[in-house]
Amino acid sequence: MSPDKNKFITFEGVDGAGKSTHLAWFAEMLRQRGHDVVVTREPGGTPLGEQLREILLNQTMSVGTEAMLMFAARLEHIEQIIKPALLACKWVISDRFSDASFAYQGSGRGMDWNKLKQLEQWVHPDLQPDLTLFFDVPVAVARQRLANNISLDRFEQEQADFFERVRAGYHKRVQENPHRYVVIDAAQSLEQVKLQLEKIIVSL
């Protein structure tokens, strides 16, 4: 893919980190600079993906089933949304991608990372984000932000130690792929985070 004509950017972080709050603003800033931007999410993004999202967020299942459903939704997402948009020289911004599977199903639920890497290699051997923004925040802060949400899905209802493992999983992915990550201190104020995001937009 041409770095001048398109980009695939992903937003990652534990539930409550605030990434989704900034994603729409980030996309709008890119549009104001003349880019054609597609905003999407995982699990979801396609009609089938959204159905799988409803199951994944609300029904109890084994970690293996959870991981395979995540990657099934991802494969559909790539084929139907991400690749066509990139081929059309559009920028794609996704709220989560495969890093989330390593953090949540891998570190959070204890699934073997090698199995996840096999799924990743099968589903998207030739596709990785050009840039991943990891919104990092202490778990206590993320939990406090979720406290006012009256309808939590089954991931958001997990205990603090689960999110500590998820956060550690994200840091492990950052260490494995430092070239494509920018770590955002999401404990800062909204305005401070926006200033950091503005610098990233300029650098792009």
C-alpha atoms as a PDB file:
ATOM      1  CA  MET A   1       0.000   0.000   0.000  1.00  0.00           C
ATOM      2  CA  SER A   2       1.180   3.515  -0.713  1.00  0.00           C
ATOM      3  CA  PRO A   3       2.016   5.494   2.419  1.00  0.00           C
ATOM      4  CA  ASP A   4       1.027   8.677   0.610  1.00  0.00           C
ATOM      5  CA  LYS A   5      -2.484   7.597  -0.351  1.00  0.00           C
ATOM      6  CA  ASN A   6      -3.825   5.475   2.476  1.00  0.00           C
ATOM      7  CA  LYS A   7      -3.211   4.409   6.050  1.00  0.00           C
ATOM      8  CA  PHE A   8      -4.577   1.705   8.309  1.00  0.00           C
ATOM      9  CA  ILE A   9      -4.692   3.051  11.872  1.00  0.00           C
ATOM     10  CA  THR A  10      -5.959   1.185  14.920  1.00  0.00           C
ATOM     11  CA  PHE A  11      -6.966   2.407  18.371  1.00  0.00           C
ATOM     12  CA  GLU A  12      -6.340   0.042  21.297  1.00  0.00           C
ATOM     13  CA  GLY A  13      -6.661   0.072  25.090  1.00  0.00           C
ATOM     14  CA  VAL A  14      -8.468  -1.480  28.030  1.00  0.00           C
ATOM     15  CA  ASP A  15     -12.160  -0.764  28.511  1.00  0.00           C
ATOM     16  CA  GLY A  16     -12.426   2.709  30.026  1.00  0.00           C
ATOM     17  CA  ALA A  17      -9.190   4.018  28.537  1.00  0.00           C
ATOM     18  CA  GLY A  18     -11.076   6.597  26.466  1.00  0.00           C
ATOM     19  CA  LYS A  19      -9.896   5.574  23.003  1.00  0.00           C
ATOM     20  CA  SER A  20     -13.394   5.588  21.490  1.00  0.00           C
ATOM     21  CA  THR A  21     -13.927   9.146  22.745  1.00  0.00           C
ATOM     22  CA  HIS A  22     -10.951  10.344  20.721  1.00  0.00           C
ATOM     23  CA  LEU A  23     -11.433   8.200  17.621  1.00  0.00           C
ATOM     24  CA  ALA A  24     -14.259  10.232  16.058  1.00  0.00           C
ATOM     25  CA  TRP A  25     -12.371  13.486  16.675  1.00  0.00           C
ATOM     26  CA  PHE A  26      -9.179  12.030  15.193  1.00  0.00           C
ATOM     27  CA  ALA A  27     -11.057  10.920  12.078  1.00  0.00           C
ATOM     28  CA  GLU A  28     -12.667  14.337  11.675  1.00  0.00           C
ATOM     29  CA  MET A  29      -9.265  16.042  11.907  1.00  0.00           C
ATOM     30  CA  LEU A  30      -7.997  13.799   9.104  1.00  0.00           C
ATOM     31  CA  ARG A  31     -11.062  14.571   6.998  1.00  0.00           C
ATOM     32  CA  GLN A  32     -10.433  18.279   7.449  1.00  0.00           C
ATOM     33  CA  ARG A  33      -6.984  17.668   5.979  1.00  0.00           C
ATOM     34  CA  GLY A  34      -8.568  16.207   2.853  1.00  0.00           C
ATOM     35  CA  HIS A  35      -8.402  12.484   3.567  1.00  0.00           C
ATOM     36  CA  ASP A  36     -11.229  10.072   2.781  1.00  0.00           C
ATOM     37  CA  VAL A  37     -11.633   8.252   6.101  1.00  0.00           C
ATOM     38  CA  VAL A  38     -13.519   5.041   6.941  1.00  0.00           C
ATOM     39  CA  VAL A  39     -14.235   4.519  10.649  1.00  0.00           C
ATOM     40  CA  THR A  40     -14.996   0.991  11.801  1.00  0.00           C
ATOM     41  CA  ARG A  41     -14.743  -1.264  14.861  1.00  0.00           C
ATOM     42  CA  GLU A  42     -14.044  -4.760  16.150  1.00  0.00           C
ATOM     43  CA  PRO A  43     -15.713  -6.994  16.765  1.00  0.00           C
ATOM     44  CA  GLY A  44     -18.140  -5.694  14.187  1.00  0.00           C
ATOM     45  CA  GLY A  45     -17.811  -3.466  11.160  1.00  0.00           C
ATOM     46  CA  THR A  46     -19.930  -5.701   8.901  1.00  0.00           C
ATOM     47  CA  PRO A  47     -23.509  -7.013   9.279  1.00  0.00           C
ATOM     48  CA  LEU A  48     -22.170 -10.473  10.191  1.00  0.00           C
ATOM     49  CA  GLY A  49     -19.500  -8.925  12.418  1.00  0.00           C
ATOM     50  CA  GLU A  50     -22.105  -6.955  14.333  1.00  0.00           C
ATOM     51  CA  GLN A  51     -24.127 -10.122  14.922  1.00  0.00           C
ATOM     52  CA  LEU A  52     -21.000 -11.862  16.201  1.00  0.00           C
ATOM     53  CA  ARG A  53     -20.271  -8.826  18.374  1.00  0.00           C
ATOM     54  CA  GLU A  54     -23.655  -9.193  20.059  1.00  0.00           C
ATOM     55  CA  ILE A  55     -22.879 -12.845  20.834  1.00  0.00           C
ATOM     56  CA  LEU A  56     -19.301 -12.164  21.965  1.00  0.00           C
ATOM     57  CA  LEU A  57     -20.222  -9.329  24.313  1.00  0.00           C
ATOM     58  CA  ASN A  58     -23.169 -11.047  25.943  1.00  0.00           C
ATOM     59  CA  GLN A  59     -22.852 -14.843  25.880  1.00  0.00           C
ATOM     60  CA  THR A  60     -20.515 -16.920  28.024  1.00  0.00           C
ATOM     61  CA  MET A  61     -18.203 -19.243  26.050  1.00  0.00           C
ATOM     62  CA  SER A  62     -14.816 -20.939  26.213  1.00  0.00           C
ATOM     63  CA  VAL A  63     -11.747 -18.838  25.468  1.00  0.00           C
ATOM     64  CA  GLY A  64     -11.035 -20.866  22.317  1.00  0.00           C
ATOM     65  CA  THR A  65     -14.516 -20.229  20.963  1.00  0.00           C
ATOM     66  CA  GLU A  66     -14.192 -16.564  21.894  1.00  0.00           C
ATOM     67  CA  ALA A  67     -10.884 -16.211  20.054  1.00  0.00           C
ATOM     68  CA  MET A  68     -12.067 -18.008  16.933  1.00  0.00           C
ATOM     69  CA  LEU A  69     -15.262 -15.966  16.768  1.00  0.00           C
ATOM     70  CA  MET A  70     -13.184 -12.790  17.117  1.00  0.00           C
ATOM     71  CA  PHE A  71     -10.976 -13.838  14.218  1.00  0.00           C
ATOM     72  CA  ALA A  72     -13.981 -14.976  12.157  1.00  0.00           C
ATOM     73  CA  ALA A  73     -15.493 -11.516  12.549  1.00  0.00           C
ATOM     74  CA  ARG A  74     -12.069 -10.043  11.741  1.00  0.00           C
ATOM     75  CA  LEU A  75     -11.691 -12.019   8.524  1.00  0.00           C
ATOM     76  CA  GLU A  76     -15.079 -10.773   7.324  1.00  0.00           C
ATOM     77  CA  HIS A  77     -14.115  -7.251   8.417  1.00  0.00           C
ATOM     78  CA  ILE A  78     -10.868  -7.345   6.435  1.00  0.00           C
ATOM     79  CA  GLU A  79     -12.434  -8.770   3.290  1.00  0.00           C
ATOM     80  CA  GLN A  80     -15.548  -6.592   3.277  1.00  0.00           C
ATOM     81  CA  ILE A  81     -14.372  -3.276   4.762  1.00  0.00           C
ATOM     82  CA  ILE A  82     -10.661  -2.811   5.383  1.00  0.00           C
ATOM     83  CA  LYS A  83      -9.012  -4.109   2.203  1.00  0.00           C
ATOM     84  CA  PRO A  84     -11.567  -2.581  -0.215  1.00  0.00           C
ATOM     85  CA  ALA A  85     -11.184   0.815   1.497  1.00  0.00           C
ATOM     86  CA  LEU A  86      -7.387   0.686   1.363  1.00  0.00           C
ATOM     87  CA  LEU A  87      -7.457  -0.357  -2.298  1.00  0.00           C
ATOM     88  CA  ALA A  88      -9.686   2.673  -2.941  1.00  0.00           C
ATOM     89  CA  CYS A  89      -6.952   4.869  -1.385  1.00  0.00           C
ATOM     90  CA  LYS A  90      -9.016   5.606   1.720  1.00  0.00           C
ATOM     91  CA  TRP A  91      -7.734   5.809   5.283  1.00  0.00           C
ATOM     92  CA  VAL A  92      -9.146   3.206   7.660  1.00  0.00           C
ATOM     93  CA  ILE A  93      -9.408   3.796  11.405  1.00  0.00           C
ATOM     94  CA  SER A  94     -10.508   0.797  13.422  1.00  0.00           C
ATOM     95  CA  ASP A  95     -11.542   0.733  17.064  1.00  0.00           C
ATOM     96  CA  ARG A  96      -9.516  -2.420  17.930  1.00  0.00           C
ATOM     97  CA  PHE A  97      -7.854  -5.059  15.747  1.00  0.00           C
ATOM     98  CA  SER A  98      -5.773  -8.195  16.400  1.00  0.00           C
ATOM     99  CA  ASP A  99      -3.769  -6.630  19.243  1.00  0.00           C
ATOM    100  CA  ALA A 100      -6.983  -6.787  21.268  1.00  0.00           C
ATOM    101  CA  SER A 101      -7.159 -10.565  20.831  1.00  0.00           C
ATOM    102  CA  PHE A 102      -3.649 -10.968  22.227  1.00  0.00           C
ATOM    103  CA  ALA A 103      -4.447  -8.645  25.136  1.00  0.00           C
ATOM    104  CA  TYR A 104      -7.923  -9.967  26.006  1.00  0.00           C
ATOM    105  CA  GLN A 105      -8.018 -13.632  24.995  1.00  0.00           C
ATOM    106  CA  GLY A 106      -4.254 -14.101  25.347  1.00  0.00           C
ATOM    107  CA  SER A 107      -3.166 -12.263  28.466  1.00  0.00           C
ATOM    108  CA  GLY A 108      -6.602 -11.649  29.969  1.00  0.00           C
ATOM    109  CA  ARG A 109      -7.999 -15.163  29.591  1.00  0.00           C
ATOM    110  CA  GLY A 110      -4.728 -17.088  29.402  1.00  0.00           C
ATOM    111  CA  MET A 111      -4.887 -18.421  25.852  1.00  0.00           C
ATOM    112  CA  ASP A 112      -1.585 -19.562  24.313  1.00  0.00           C
ATOM    113  CA  TRP A 113      -0.125 -16.647  22.324  1.00  0.00           C
ATOM    114  CA  ASN A 114       1.275 -19.070  19.739  1.00  0.00           C
ATOM    115  CA  LYS A 115      -2.263 -20.205  18.885  1.00  0.00           C
ATOM    116  CA  LEU A 116      -3.297 -16.573  18.496  1.00  0.00           C
ATOM    117  CA  LYS A 117      -0.300 -15.932  16.255  1.00  0.00           C
ATOM    118  CA  GLN A 118      -1.371 -18.877  14.087  1.00  0.00           C
ATOM    119  CA  LEU A 119      -4.849 -17.377  13.776  1.00  0.00           C
ATOM    120  CA  GLU A 120      -3.344 -13.961  13.008  1.00  0.00           C
ATOM    121  CA  GLN A 121      -1.102 -15.467  10.320  1.00  0.00           C
ATOM    122  CA  TRP A 122      -4.037 -17.302   8.763  1.00  0.00           C
ATOM    123  CA  VAL A 123      -6.521 -14.412   8.819  1.00  0.00           C
ATOM    124  CA  HIS A 124      -4.240 -11.533   7.786  1.00  0.00           C
ATOM    125  CA  PRO A 125      -0.737 -12.710   6.802  1.00  0.00           C
ATOM    126  CA  ASP A 126      -0.105  -9.646   4.647  1.00  0.00           C
ATOM    127  CA  LEU A 127      -1.903  -6.942   6.635  1.00  0.00           C
ATOM    128  CA  GLN A 128      -0.875  -5.057   9.775  1.00  0.00           C
ATOM    129  CA  PRO A 129      -1.785  -1.530  10.864  1.00  0.00           C
ATOM    130  CA  ASP A 130       0.510   1.247   9.676  1.00  0.00           C
ATOM    131  CA  LEU A 131       0.046   2.822  13.110  1.00  0.00           C
ATOM    132  CA  THR A 132      -1.488   1.656  16.377  1.00  0.00           C
ATOM    133  CA  LEU A 133      -2.391   4.162  19.082  1.00  0.00           C
ATOM    134  CA  PHE A 134      -2.398   2.448  22.468  1.00  0.00           C
ATOM    135  CA  PHE A 135      -4.368   4.446  25.026  1.00  0.00           C
ATOM    136  CA  ASP A 136      -2.660   3.399  28.242  1.00  0.00           C
ATOM    137  CA  VAL A 137      -4.262   4.141  31.584  1.00  0.00           C
ATOM    138  CA  PRO A 138      -3.983   2.691  35.117  1.00  0.00           C
ATOM    139  CA  VAL A 139      -6.696   0.100  35.631  1.00  0.00           C
ATOM    140  CA  ALA A 140      -8.088   1.979  38.649  1.00  0.00           C
ATOM    141  CA  VAL A 141      -8.695   5.037  36.457  1.00  0.00           C
ATOM    142  CA  ALA A 142     -10.326   2.954  33.710  1.00  0.00           C
ATOM    143  CA  ARG A 143     -12.597   1.249  36.254  1.00  0.00           C
ATOM    144  CA  GLN A 144     -13.647   4.593  37.674  1.00  0.00           C
ATOM    145  CA  ARG A 145     -14.599   5.807  34.205  1.00  0.00           C
ATOM    146  CA  LEU A 146     -16.752   2.712  33.669  1.00  0.00           C
ATOM    147  CA  ALA A 147     -18.475   3.101  37.034  1.00  0.00           C
ATOM    148  CA  ASN A 148     -21.143   5.434  35.626  1.00  0.00           C
ATOM    149  CA  ASN A 149     -22.048   3.072  32.785  1.00  0.00           C
ATOM    150  CA  ILE A 150     -25.276   1.260  33.703  1.00  0.00           C
ATOM    151  CA  SER A 151     -25.113  -1.313  30.869  1.00  0.00           C
ATOM    152  CA  LEU A 152     -21.753  -3.080  30.989  1.00  0.00           C
ATOM    153  CA  ASP A 153     -21.031  -5.979  28.615  1.00  0.00           C
ATOM    154  CA  ARG A 154     -19.418  -9.166  29.921  1.00  0.00           C
ATOM    155  CA  PHE A 155     -15.888  -7.903  29.232  1.00  0.00           C
ATOM    156  CA  GLU A 156     -16.502  -4.620  31.041  1.00  0.00           C
ATOM    157  CA  GLN A 157     -17.893  -6.573  34.001  1.00  0.00           C
ATOM    158  CA  GLU A 158     -14.593  -8.409  34.549  1.00  0.00           C
ATOM    159  CA  GLN A 159     -12.616  -7.816  37.739  1.00  0.00           C
ATOM    160  CA  ALA A 160      -9.634  -5.499  38.059  1.00  0.00           C
ATOM    161  CA  ASP A 161      -7.064  -8.318  37.929  1.00  0.00           C
ATOM    162  CA  PHE A 162      -8.377  -9.299  34.481  1.00  0.00           C
ATOM    163  CA  PHE A 163      -7.770  -5.770  33.205  1.00  0.00           C
ATOM    164  CA  GLU A 164      -4.313  -5.714  34.768  1.00  0.00           C
ATOM    165  CA  ARG A 165      -3.468  -8.782  32.682  1.00  0.00           C
ATOM    166  CA  VAL A 166      -5.024  -7.205  29.581  1.00  0.00           C
ATOM    167  CA  ARG A 167      -2.980  -4.041  30.075  1.00  0.00           C
ATOM    168  CA  ALA A 168       0.174  -6.130  30.498  1.00  0.00           C
ATOM    169  CA  GLY A 169      -0.713  -7.941  27.271  1.00  0.00           C
ATOM    170  CA  TYR A 170      -0.888  -4.666  25.402  1.00  0.00           C
ATOM    171  CA  HIS A 171       2.514  -3.667  26.752  1.00  0.00           C
ATOM    172  CA  LYS A 172       3.913  -6.999  25.559  1.00  0.00           C
ATOM    173  CA  ARG A 173       2.556  -6.308  22.068  1.00  0.00           C
ATOM    174  CA  VAL A 174       4.120  -2.852  22.138  1.00  0.00           C
ATOM    175  CA  GLN A 175       7.479  -4.440  22.976  1.00  0.00           C
ATOM    176  CA  GLU A 176       7.066  -6.942  20.129  1.00  0.00           C
ATOM    177  CA  ASN A 177       6.022  -4.288  17.570  1.00  0.00           C
ATOM    178  CA  PRO A 178       7.579  -0.977  18.707  1.00  0.00           C
ATOM    179  CA  HIS A 179       7.804   0.385  15.158  1.00  0.00           C
ATOM    180  CA  ARG A 180       4.041   0.701  14.719  1.00  0.00           C
ATOM    181  CA  TYR A 181       2.923   1.735  18.196  1.00  0.00           C
ATOM    182  CA  VAL A 182       2.495   5.146  19.782  1.00  0.00           C
ATOM    183  CA  VAL A 183       1.614   4.951  23.475  1.00  0.00           C
ATOM    184  CA  ILE A 184      -0.837   7.637  24.619  1.00  0.00           C
ATOM    185  CA  ASP A 185      -0.993   8.537  28.313  1.00  0.00           C
ATOM    186  CA  ALA A 186      -4.779   8.299  28.571  1.00  0.00           C
ATOM    187  CA  ALA A 187      -4.805   9.345  32.234  1.00  0.00           C
ATOM    188  CA  GLN A 188      -4.233  12.915  31.050  1.00  0.00           C
ATOM    189  CA  SER A 189      -7.072  15.368  30.479  1.00  0.00           C
ATOM    190  CA  LEU A 190      -8.998  15.235  27.197  1.00  0.00           C
ATOM    191  CA  GLU A 191      -7.262  18.391  26.012  1.00  0.00           C
ATOM    192  CA  GLN A 192      -3.802  17.035  26.789  1.00  0.00           C
ATOM    193  CA  VAL A 193      -4.565  13.846  24.871  1.00  0.00           C
ATOM    194  CA  LYS A 194      -5.864  15.873  21.928  1.00  0.00           C
ATOM    195  CA  LEU A 195      -2.625  17.867  21.841  1.00  0.00           C
ATOM    196  CA  GLN A 196      -0.676  14.619  21.599  1.00  0.00           C
ATOM    197  CA  LEU A 197      -3.004  13.349  18.868  1.00  0.00           C
ATOM    198  CA  GLU A 198      -2.624  16.599  16.923  1.00  0.00           C
ATOM    199  CA  LYS A 199       1.140  16.073  16.835  1.00  0.00           C
ATOM    200  CA  ILE A 200       0.586  12.552  15.509  1.00  0.00           C
ATOM    201  CA  ILE A 201      -1.732  13.850  12.781  1.00  0.00           C
ATOM    202  CA  VAL A 202       0.888  16.398  11.730  1.00  0.00           C
ATOM    203  CA  SER A 203       3.553  13.682  11.614  1.00  0.00           C
ATOM    204  CA  LEU A 204       1.338  11.547   9.363  1.00  0.00           C
END
